[in-house]
Amino acid sequence: MNIVIAQNDRPESRLAFDWVLNHGTAMASSPTDLHVHVVLVGGADSPASPNYSSPTLGESIAAELHGREVSHTVYAADSDAATQIIEVAESVSADLIVIGMRRRSATMKLLLGSQVQRVMLDALCPVVAIKPPLD
């Protein structure tokens, strides 16, 4: 089973990662049949930015997956996250894409668009979108 997951340093991204860890092996026919494709997204240079990804994020995710003996590949961030997620999913014949989504107002969605929405509409495989619980 191939699962593509988008990751940055935001809490909802971690929720999506935890979802994959909790459900991925159960969905695969065996734990060794799971391969997680981690697409790093973001690339802003300030930790205050909502799209920030630390330089060591890929290494820490890879170490955690390795420690759990989960087969994985980490992809460096590209300038267009939605396109990259979709292209990786297509190239590996992904069974599922898992992405975290943050809560935004309708106005912000209208003005900025939504990478999550693009992935959900354009992906050829099912997409699981994880959002944080209400406060």
C-alpha atoms as a PDB file:
ATOM      1  CA  MET A   1       0.000   0.000   0.000  1.00  0.00           C
ATOM      2  CA  ASN A   2       1.349   3.423  -0.998  1.00  0.00           C
ATOM      3  CA  ILE A   3       0.273   6.410   1.080  1.00  0.00           C
ATOM      4  CA  VAL A   4       1.332   9.944   0.176  1.00  0.00           C
ATOM      5  CA  ILE A   5       1.368  12.435   3.021  1.00  0.00           C
ATOM      6  CA  ALA A   6       2.061  16.167   2.932  1.00  0.00           C
ATOM      7  CA  GLN A   7       4.120  17.500   5.832  1.00  0.00           C
ATOM      8  CA  ASN A   8       5.212  20.845   7.252  1.00  0.00           C
ATOM      9  CA  ASP A   9       5.694  22.103  10.806  1.00  0.00           C
ATOM     10  CA  ARG A  10       2.035  22.937  11.465  1.00  0.00           C
ATOM     11  CA  PRO A  11       0.014  21.029  14.097  1.00  0.00           C
ATOM     12  CA  GLU A  12      -2.561  19.777  11.573  1.00  0.00           C
ATOM     13  CA  SER A  13       0.278  18.294   9.554  1.00  0.00           C
ATOM     14  CA  ARG A  14       1.356  16.332  12.635  1.00  0.00           C
ATOM     15  CA  LEU A  15      -2.245  15.166  13.107  1.00  0.00           C
ATOM     16  CA  ALA A  16      -2.191  13.790   9.555  1.00  0.00           C
ATOM     17  CA  PHE A  17       1.136  12.050  10.226  1.00  0.00           C
ATOM     18  CA  ASP A  18      -0.250  10.471  13.408  1.00  0.00           C
ATOM     19  CA  TRP A  19      -3.320   9.332  11.437  1.00  0.00           C
ATOM     20  CA  VAL A  20      -1.062   7.554   8.947  1.00  0.00           C
ATOM     21  CA  LEU A  21       0.906   5.905  11.765  1.00  0.00           C
ATOM     22  CA  ASN A  22      -2.291   4.745  13.467  1.00  0.00           C
ATOM     23  CA  HIS A  23      -4.226   3.621  10.392  1.00  0.00           C
ATOM     24  CA  GLY A  24      -1.688   2.917   7.637  1.00  0.00           C
ATOM     25  CA  THR A  25      -0.445  -0.436   8.880  1.00  0.00           C
ATOM     26  CA  ALA A  26      -4.004  -1.549   9.600  1.00  0.00           C
ATOM     27  CA  MET A  27      -5.034  -0.731   6.027  1.00  0.00           C
ATOM     28  CA  ALA A  28      -2.054  -2.532   4.468  1.00  0.00           C
ATOM     29  CA  SER A  29      -2.208  -6.301   4.079  1.00  0.00           C
ATOM     30  CA  SER A  30       0.873  -6.501   6.337  1.00  0.00           C
ATOM     31  CA  PRO A  31       3.112  -3.922   8.045  1.00  0.00           C
ATOM     32  CA  THR A  32       5.828  -4.588   5.477  1.00  0.00           C
ATOM     33  CA  ASP A  33       3.355  -3.871   2.669  1.00  0.00           C
ATOM     34  CA  LEU A  34       3.098  -0.173   3.649  1.00  0.00           C
ATOM     35  CA  HIS A  35       5.214   2.527   1.992  1.00  0.00           C
ATOM     36  CA  VAL A  36       4.772   6.138   3.101  1.00  0.00           C
ATOM     37  CA  HIS A  37       5.738   8.849   0.609  1.00  0.00           C
ATOM     38  CA  VAL A  38       6.349  12.071   2.561  1.00  0.00           C
ATOM     39  CA  VAL A  39       6.063  15.274   0.520  1.00  0.00           C
ATOM     40  CA  LEU A  40       7.563  18.192   2.403  1.00  0.00           C
ATOM     41  CA  VAL A  41       5.566  21.367   1.768  1.00  0.00           C
ATOM     42  CA  GLY A  42       6.080  24.973   2.688  1.00  0.00           C
ATOM     43  CA  GLY A  43       9.454  26.487   2.331  1.00  0.00           C
ATOM     44  CA  ALA A  44       8.880  29.846   4.016  1.00  0.00           C
ATOM     45  CA  ASP A  45      12.034  31.057   5.736  1.00  0.00           C
ATOM     46  CA  SER A  46      10.436  32.247   8.965  1.00  0.00           C
ATOM     47  CA  PRO A  47       9.090  30.016  11.770  1.00  0.00           C
ATOM     48  CA  ALA A  48       6.298  32.605  12.152  1.00  0.00           C
ATOM     49  CA  SER A  49       4.997  31.799   8.663  1.00  0.00           C
ATOM     50  CA  PRO A  50       2.065  29.379   8.434  1.00  0.00           C
ATOM     51  CA  ASN A  51       3.916  27.541   5.654  1.00  0.00           C
ATOM     52  CA  TYR A  52       7.220  27.085   7.462  1.00  0.00           C
ATOM     53  CA  SER A  53       9.096  23.804   7.270  1.00  0.00           C
ATOM     54  CA  SER A  54      12.218  23.482   9.366  1.00  0.00           C
ATOM     55  CA  PRO A  55      15.365  22.337   7.566  1.00  0.00           C
ATOM     56  CA  THR A  56      15.432  19.164   9.686  1.00  0.00           C
ATOM     57  CA  LEU A  57      11.762  18.200   9.269  1.00  0.00           C
ATOM     58  CA  GLY A  58      12.435  15.558   6.614  1.00  0.00           C
ATOM     59  CA  GLU A  59      15.188  14.006   8.714  1.00  0.00           C
ATOM     60  CA  SER A  60      13.030  13.817  11.850  1.00  0.00           C
ATOM     61  CA  ILE A  61      10.086  12.303   9.965  1.00  0.00           C
ATOM     62  CA  ALA A  62      12.373   9.765   8.284  1.00  0.00           C
ATOM     63  CA  ALA A  63      13.899   8.848  11.658  1.00  0.00           C
ATOM     64  CA  GLU A  64      10.475   8.326  13.214  1.00  0.00           C
ATOM     65  CA  LEU A  65       9.285   6.150  10.318  1.00  0.00           C
ATOM     66  CA  HIS A  66      12.562   4.205  10.381  1.00  0.00           C
ATOM     67  CA  GLY A  67      12.157   3.648  14.132  1.00  0.00           C
ATOM     68  CA  ARG A  68       8.714   2.171  13.482  1.00  0.00           C
ATOM     69  CA  GLU A  69      10.135   0.085  10.638  1.00  0.00           C
ATOM     70  CA  VAL A  70       7.882   1.759   8.077  1.00  0.00           C
ATOM     71  CA  SER A  71       9.221   1.879   4.527  1.00  0.00           C
ATOM     72  CA  HIS A  72       9.302   5.478   3.314  1.00  0.00           C
ATOM     73  CA  THR A  73      10.567   8.036   0.830  1.00  0.00           C
ATOM     74  CA  VAL A  74      10.911  11.752   1.597  1.00  0.00           C
ATOM     75  CA  TYR A  75      10.513  14.316  -1.198  1.00  0.00           C
ATOM     76  CA  ALA A  76      11.953  17.848  -0.903  1.00  0.00           C
ATOM     77  CA  ALA A  77       9.522  20.768  -1.045  1.00  0.00           C
ATOM     78  CA  ASP A  78       8.655  22.171  -4.451  1.00  0.00           C
ATOM     79  CA  SER A  79       7.212  25.599  -5.283  1.00  0.00           C
ATOM     80  CA  ASP A  80       3.707  24.229  -5.966  1.00  0.00           C
ATOM     81  CA  ALA A  81       2.740  21.863  -3.170  1.00  0.00           C
ATOM     82  CA  ALA A  82      -0.607  20.704  -4.568  1.00  0.00           C
ATOM     83  CA  THR A  83       0.861  19.814  -7.953  1.00  0.00           C
ATOM     84  CA  GLN A  84       3.791  18.029  -6.329  1.00  0.00           C
ATOM     85  CA  ILE A  85       1.521  15.968  -4.049  1.00  0.00           C
ATOM     86  CA  ILE A  86      -0.652  14.941  -6.994  1.00  0.00           C
ATOM     87  CA  GLU A  87       2.354  14.122  -9.196  1.00  0.00           C
ATOM     88  CA  VAL A  88       4.015  12.013  -6.505  1.00  0.00           C
ATOM     89  CA  ALA A  89       0.731  10.186  -5.897  1.00  0.00           C
ATOM     90  CA  GLU A  90       0.371   9.422  -9.597  1.00  0.00           C
ATOM     91  CA  SER A  91       4.008   8.355 -10.023  1.00  0.00           C
ATOM     92  CA  VAL A  92       3.840   5.834  -7.166  1.00  0.00           C
ATOM     93  CA  SER A  93       0.259   4.684  -7.911  1.00  0.00           C
ATOM     94  CA  ALA A  94      -0.812   5.861  -4.474  1.00  0.00           C
ATOM     95  CA  ASP A  95      -3.716   4.157  -2.777  1.00  0.00           C
ATOM     96  CA  LEU A  96      -4.363   7.190  -0.573  1.00  0.00           C
ATOM     97  CA  ILE A  97      -3.272  10.783   0.063  1.00  0.00           C
ATOM     98  CA  VAL A  98      -3.408  12.147   3.620  1.00  0.00           C
ATOM     99  CA  ILE A  99      -3.182  15.880   4.257  1.00  0.00           C
ATOM    100  CA  GLY A 100      -3.731  18.144   7.234  1.00  0.00           C
ATOM    101  CA  MET A 101      -5.902  21.191   6.782  1.00  0.00           C
ATOM    102  CA  ARG A 102      -6.197  24.308   8.867  1.00  0.00           C
ATOM    103  CA  ARG A 103      -9.364  26.180   9.614  1.00  0.00           C
ATOM    104  CA  ARG A 104      -9.776  29.362   7.603  1.00  0.00           C
ATOM    105  CA  SER A 105     -12.600  31.808   7.099  1.00  0.00           C
ATOM    106  CA  ALA A 106     -14.595  31.754   3.860  1.00  0.00           C
ATOM    107  CA  THR A 107     -13.023  35.071   2.878  1.00  0.00           C
ATOM    108  CA  MET A 108      -9.485  33.744   3.316  1.00  0.00           C
ATOM    109  CA  LYS A 109     -10.370  30.659   1.263  1.00  0.00           C
ATOM    110  CA  LEU A 110     -11.737  32.880  -1.499  1.00  0.00           C
ATOM    111  CA  LEU A 111      -8.701  35.169  -1.533  1.00  0.00           C
ATOM    112  CA  LEU A 112      -5.976  32.572  -1.150  1.00  0.00           C
ATOM    113  CA  GLY A 113      -7.473  29.458  -2.670  1.00  0.00           C
ATOM    114  CA  SER A 114      -6.761  26.131  -1.071  1.00  0.00           C
ATOM    115  CA  GLN A 115      -3.969  23.662  -1.728  1.00  0.00           C
ATOM    116  CA  VAL A 116      -6.056  21.041   0.095  1.00  0.00           C
ATOM    117  CA  GLN A 117      -9.013  21.713  -2.187  1.00  0.00           C
ATOM    118  CA  ARG A 118      -6.836  21.351  -5.294  1.00  0.00           C
ATOM    119  CA  VAL A 119      -5.500  18.015  -4.068  1.00  0.00           C
ATOM    120  CA  MET A 120      -8.971  16.768  -3.158  1.00  0.00           C
ATOM    121  CA  LEU A 121     -10.420  17.702  -6.543  1.00  0.00           C
ATOM    122  CA  ASP A 122      -7.515  16.697  -8.790  1.00  0.00           C
ATOM    123  CA  ALA A 123      -6.110  13.552  -7.151  1.00  0.00           C
ATOM    124  CA  LEU A 124      -6.819  10.255  -8.875  1.00  0.00           C
ATOM    125  CA  CYS A 125      -6.933   8.355  -5.557  1.00  0.00           C
ATOM    126  CA  PRO A 126      -8.924   8.898  -2.344  1.00  0.00           C
ATOM    127  CA  VAL A 127      -7.850  11.791  -0.108  1.00  0.00           C
ATOM    128  CA  VAL A 128      -8.153  11.928   3.671  1.00  0.00           C
ATOM    129  CA  ALA A 129      -8.113  15.496   5.020  1.00  0.00           C
ATOM    130  CA  ILE A 130      -7.408  15.804   8.742  1.00  0.00           C
ATOM    131  CA  LYS A 131      -8.440  18.972  10.538  1.00  0.00           C
ATOM    132  CA  PRO A 132      -7.751  19.939  14.124  1.00  0.00           C
ATOM    133  CA  PRO A 133     -10.605  19.678  16.642  1.00  0.00           C
ATOM    134  CA  LEU A 134     -12.523  22.801  17.596  1.00  0.00           C
ATOM    135  CA  ASP A 135     -11.066  24.624  20.567  1.00  0.00           C
END
